[in-house]
Amino acid sequence: MKDNFMLDMYLAPHVNTLYSQIRNRALVQYFSPYVSADMEKMARAFNTTVSKLEDELSELILDGQIQARIDSHNKVLFARNVDQRSVTFEKAIEMGKDYHKRTKALILRGAILRNQIVVKSPPREASSGDVSMPVTR
């Protein structure tokens, strides 16, 4: 299949990148339901050596695609425990701050409209070759 893609003059320059992204996504999806995974079994499943798999996984960890750590001695990949409760609280606080900011902006806009505060921009001048319509406000 890869050979057919390499024959396409538009797709050929991107084939290797696409294949590596597909492989990375497969690694992420393979590991996602587990708390830990044996890298030897993963290497057999992905038809590679443990050392190459370890290099690929370390790249994914550094890129932030997998939240895990590698036990190089025992060849085990462990998922990092993320405290869902604290993540939820942090999201709630961020949403509250955003709501507060937007509310203040809307109150300010309402006060500006109520008091008819208008800032007019200077009239635009037509440049050569441009046909401009008069600006009315």
C-alpha atoms as a PDB file:
ATOM      1  CA  MET A   1       0.000   0.000   0.000  1.00  0.00           C
ATOM      2  CA  LYS A   2       2.865   2.337   0.824  1.00  0.00           C
ATOM      3  CA  ASP A   3       4.320   1.729  -2.639  1.00  0.00           C
ATOM      4  CA  ASN A   4       1.082   2.892  -4.263  1.00  0.00           C
ATOM      5  CA  PHE A   5       1.105   6.048  -2.159  1.00  0.00           C
ATOM      6  CA  MET A   6       4.726   6.725  -3.112  1.00  0.00           C
ATOM      7  CA  LEU A   7       3.723   6.727  -6.798  1.00  0.00           C
ATOM      8  CA  ASP A   8       1.325   9.627  -6.253  1.00  0.00           C
ATOM      9  CA  MET A   9       3.283  12.809  -7.022  1.00  0.00           C
ATOM     10  CA  TYR A  10       1.255  14.902  -4.554  1.00  0.00           C
ATOM     11  CA  LEU A  11       1.132  12.390  -1.722  1.00  0.00           C
ATOM     12  CA  ALA A  12       4.672  10.982  -1.980  1.00  0.00           C
ATOM     13  CA  PRO A  13       6.442  13.780  -0.048  1.00  0.00           C
ATOM     14  CA  HIS A  14       4.036  13.287   2.869  1.00  0.00           C
ATOM     15  CA  VAL A  15       3.837   9.489   3.065  1.00  0.00           C
ATOM     16  CA  ASN A  16       6.559   9.001   5.695  1.00  0.00           C
ATOM     17  CA  THR A  17       5.114  11.747   7.891  1.00  0.00           C
ATOM     18  CA  LEU A  18       1.629  10.266   7.590  1.00  0.00           C
ATOM     19  CA  TYR A  19       2.870   6.781   8.438  1.00  0.00           C
ATOM     20  CA  SER A  20       4.742   8.030  11.509  1.00  0.00           C
ATOM     21  CA  GLN A  21       1.687   9.974  12.708  1.00  0.00           C
ATOM     22  CA  ILE A  22      -0.518   6.911  12.221  1.00  0.00           C
ATOM     23  CA  ARG A  23       1.981   4.805  14.176  1.00  0.00           C
ATOM     24  CA  ASN A  24       2.146   7.378  16.978  1.00  0.00           C
ATOM     25  CA  ARG A  25      -1.637   7.459  17.223  1.00  0.00           C
ATOM     26  CA  ALA A  26      -1.707   3.647  17.334  1.00  0.00           C
ATOM     27  CA  LEU A  27       0.821   3.640  20.195  1.00  0.00           C
ATOM     28  CA  VAL A  28      -1.231   6.192  22.121  1.00  0.00           C
ATOM     29  CA  GLN A  29      -4.469   4.266  21.572  1.00  0.00           C
ATOM     30  CA  TYR A  30      -2.826   0.951  22.499  1.00  0.00           C
ATOM     31  CA  PHE A  31      -1.642   2.295  25.846  1.00  0.00           C
ATOM     32  CA  SER A  32      -4.594   4.535  26.760  1.00  0.00           C
ATOM     33  CA  PRO A  33      -6.777   1.956  28.598  1.00  0.00           C
ATOM     34  CA  TYR A  34      -3.911   0.613  30.738  1.00  0.00           C
ATOM     35  CA  VAL A  35      -2.280   1.727  33.971  1.00  0.00           C
ATOM     36  CA  SER A  36       0.876  -0.148  32.973  1.00  0.00           C
ATOM     37  CA  ALA A  37       2.008  -2.016  29.889  1.00  0.00           C
ATOM     38  CA  ASP A  38       4.771  -4.535  29.257  1.00  0.00           C
ATOM     39  CA  MET A  39       7.017  -3.025  26.603  1.00  0.00           C
ATOM     40  CA  GLU A  40       8.091  -6.462  25.336  1.00  0.00           C
ATOM     41  CA  LYS A  41       4.485  -7.344  24.496  1.00  0.00           C
ATOM     42  CA  MET A  42       4.013  -3.902  22.939  1.00  0.00           C
ATOM     43  CA  ALA A  43       7.151  -4.388  20.845  1.00  0.00           C
ATOM     44  CA  ARG A  44       5.826  -7.717  19.551  1.00  0.00           C
ATOM     45  CA  ALA A  45       2.434  -6.142  18.788  1.00  0.00           C
ATOM     46  CA  PHE A  46       4.080  -3.303  16.836  1.00  0.00           C
ATOM     47  CA  ASN A  47       6.703  -5.539  15.188  1.00  0.00           C
ATOM     48  CA  THR A  48       9.719  -3.684  16.544  1.00  0.00           C
ATOM     49  CA  THR A  49      12.461  -4.037  19.128  1.00  0.00           C
ATOM     50  CA  VAL A  50      12.064  -2.914  22.722  1.00  0.00           C
ATOM     51  CA  SER A  51      14.825  -0.307  22.383  1.00  0.00           C
ATOM     52  CA  LYS A  52      13.223   1.283  19.300  1.00  0.00           C
ATOM     53  CA  LEU A  53       9.822   1.197  21.001  1.00  0.00           C
ATOM     54  CA  GLU A  54      11.342   2.854  24.062  1.00  0.00           C
ATOM     55  CA  ASP A  55      12.720   5.638  21.848  1.00  0.00           C
ATOM     56  CA  GLU A  56       9.323   6.134  20.187  1.00  0.00           C
ATOM     57  CA  LEU A  57       7.526   6.172  23.533  1.00  0.00           C
ATOM     58  CA  SER A  58       9.997   8.648  25.015  1.00  0.00           C
ATOM     59  CA  GLU A  59       9.314  11.000  22.080  1.00  0.00           C
ATOM     60  CA  LEU A  60       5.571  10.685  22.670  1.00  0.00           C
ATOM     61  CA  ILE A  61       6.053  11.398  26.380  1.00  0.00           C
ATOM     62  CA  LEU A  62       8.199  14.447  25.639  1.00  0.00           C
ATOM     63  CA  ASP A  63       5.594  15.707  23.142  1.00  0.00           C
ATOM     64  CA  GLY A  64       2.896  15.284  25.789  1.00  0.00           C
ATOM     65  CA  GLN A  65       0.883  12.779  23.762  1.00  0.00           C
ATOM     66  CA  ILE A  66       1.227  10.097  26.450  1.00  0.00           C
ATOM     67  CA  GLN A  67       1.103  10.860  30.169  1.00  0.00           C
ATOM     68  CA  ALA A  68       3.409   8.080  31.329  1.00  0.00           C
ATOM     69  CA  ARG A  69       6.864   7.181  32.559  1.00  0.00           C
ATOM     70  CA  ILE A  70       9.178   4.415  31.412  1.00  0.00           C
ATOM     71  CA  ASP A  71      10.811   1.883  33.728  1.00  0.00           C
ATOM     72  CA  SER A  72      13.847   1.089  31.561  1.00  0.00           C
ATOM     73  CA  HIS A  73      15.135  -1.606  33.895  1.00  0.00           C
ATOM     74  CA  ASN A  74      11.937  -3.698  33.944  1.00  0.00           C
ATOM     75  CA  LYS A  75      10.779  -2.532  30.485  1.00  0.00           C
ATOM     76  CA  VAL A  76       7.373  -1.393  31.723  1.00  0.00           C
ATOM     77  CA  LEU A  77       5.418   1.718  30.767  1.00  0.00           C
ATOM     78  CA  PHE A  78       3.466   3.253  33.679  1.00  0.00           C
ATOM     79  CA  ALA A  79       0.652   5.767  33.288  1.00  0.00           C
ATOM     80  CA  ARG A  80       0.989   8.903  35.369  1.00  0.00           C
ATOM     81  CA  ASN A  81      -1.786   9.318  37.860  1.00  0.00           C
ATOM     82  CA  VAL A  82      -3.632  12.527  37.146  1.00  0.00           C
ATOM     83  CA  ASP A  83      -5.854  13.742  39.951  1.00  0.00           C
ATOM     84  CA  GLN A  84      -9.150  14.256  38.128  1.00  0.00           C
ATOM     85  CA  ARG A  85     -10.638  16.119  41.070  1.00  0.00           C
ATOM     86  CA  SER A  86      -7.969  18.827  41.042  1.00  0.00           C
ATOM     87  CA  VAL A  87      -8.140  19.076  37.236  1.00  0.00           C
ATOM     88  CA  THR A  88     -11.902  19.603  37.478  1.00  0.00           C
ATOM     89  CA  PHE A  89     -11.469  22.293  40.132  1.00  0.00           C
ATOM     90  CA  GLU A  90      -8.820  24.067  38.037  1.00  0.00           C
ATOM     91  CA  LYS A  91     -11.130  24.055  35.008  1.00  0.00           C
ATOM     92  CA  ALA A  92     -13.982  25.403  37.140  1.00  0.00           C
ATOM     93  CA  ILE A  93     -11.788  28.224  38.462  1.00  0.00           C
ATOM     94  CA  GLU A  94     -10.653  29.111  34.931  1.00  0.00           C
ATOM     95  CA  MET A  95     -14.246  29.145  33.700  1.00  0.00           C
ATOM     96  CA  GLY A  96     -15.208  31.387  36.627  1.00  0.00           C
ATOM     97  CA  LYS A  97     -12.402  33.824  35.827  1.00  0.00           C
ATOM     98  CA  ASP A  98     -13.434  33.874  32.165  1.00  0.00           C
ATOM     99  CA  TYR A  99     -17.081  34.451  33.127  1.00  0.00           C
ATOM    100  CA  HIS A 100     -16.071  37.307  35.454  1.00  0.00           C
ATOM    101  CA  LYS A 101     -13.946  38.926  32.728  1.00  0.00           C
ATOM    102  CA  ARG A 102     -16.718  38.676  30.123  1.00  0.00           C
ATOM    103  CA  THR A 103     -19.330  39.986  32.561  1.00  0.00           C
ATOM    104  CA  LYS A 104     -17.205  43.042  33.370  1.00  0.00           C
ATOM    105  CA  ALA A 105     -16.722  43.693  29.649  1.00  0.00           C
ATOM    106  CA  LEU A 106     -20.465  43.448  28.997  1.00  0.00           C
ATOM    107  CA  ILE A 107     -21.265  45.793  31.902  1.00  0.00           C
ATOM    108  CA  LEU A 108     -18.719  48.293  30.568  1.00  0.00           C
ATOM    109  CA  ARG A 109     -20.171  48.029  27.060  1.00  0.00           C
ATOM    110  CA  GLY A 110     -23.672  48.573  28.424  1.00  0.00           C
ATOM    111  CA  ALA A 111     -22.536  51.664  30.351  1.00  0.00           C
ATOM    112  CA  ILE A 112     -20.826  53.049  27.245  1.00  0.00           C
ATOM    113  CA  LEU A 113     -23.946  52.533  25.134  1.00  0.00           C
ATOM    114  CA  ARG A 114     -26.254  53.931  27.825  1.00  0.00           C
ATOM    115  CA  ASN A 115     -24.162  57.105  28.158  1.00  0.00           C
ATOM    116  CA  GLN A 116     -23.695  57.404  24.382  1.00  0.00           C
ATOM    117  CA  ILE A 117     -19.927  57.538  24.533  1.00  0.00           C
ATOM    118  CA  VAL A 118     -18.694  57.329  20.951  1.00  0.00           C
ATOM    119  CA  VAL A 119     -15.141  57.610  19.695  1.00  0.00           C
ATOM    120  CA  LYS A 120     -15.043  58.561  16.032  1.00  0.00           C
ATOM    121  CA  SER A 121     -12.124  57.645  13.857  1.00  0.00           C
ATOM    122  CA  PRO A 122     -10.629  60.196  11.451  1.00  0.00           C
ATOM    123  CA  PRO A 123     -11.979  60.016   7.874  1.00  0.00           C
ATOM    124  CA  ARG A 124     -10.058  57.768   5.521  1.00  0.00           C
ATOM    125  CA  GLU A 125      -8.248  59.232   2.549  1.00  0.00           C
ATOM    126  CA  ALA A 126      -8.457  57.519  -0.815  1.00  0.00           C
ATOM    127  CA  SER A 127      -5.132  56.246  -2.115  1.00  0.00           C
ATOM    128  CA  SER A 128      -4.248  56.259  -5.803  1.00  0.00           C
ATOM    129  CA  GLY A 129      -6.136  53.635  -7.743  1.00  0.00           C
ATOM    130  CA  ASP A 130      -8.490  52.826  -4.876  1.00  0.00           C
ATOM    131  CA  VAL A 131     -12.138  53.564  -5.200  1.00  0.00           C
ATOM    132  CA  SER A 132     -13.488  54.154  -1.754  1.00  0.00           C
ATOM    133  CA  MET A 133     -16.924  54.874  -0.561  1.00  0.00           C
ATOM    134  CA  PRO A 134     -17.556  57.719   1.863  1.00  0.00           C
ATOM    135  CA  VAL A 135     -17.536  56.646   5.481  1.00  0.00           C
ATOM    136  CA  THR A 136     -20.689  57.601   7.330  1.00  0.00           C
ATOM    137  CA  ARG A 137     -21.212  57.065  10.993  1.00  0.00           C
END
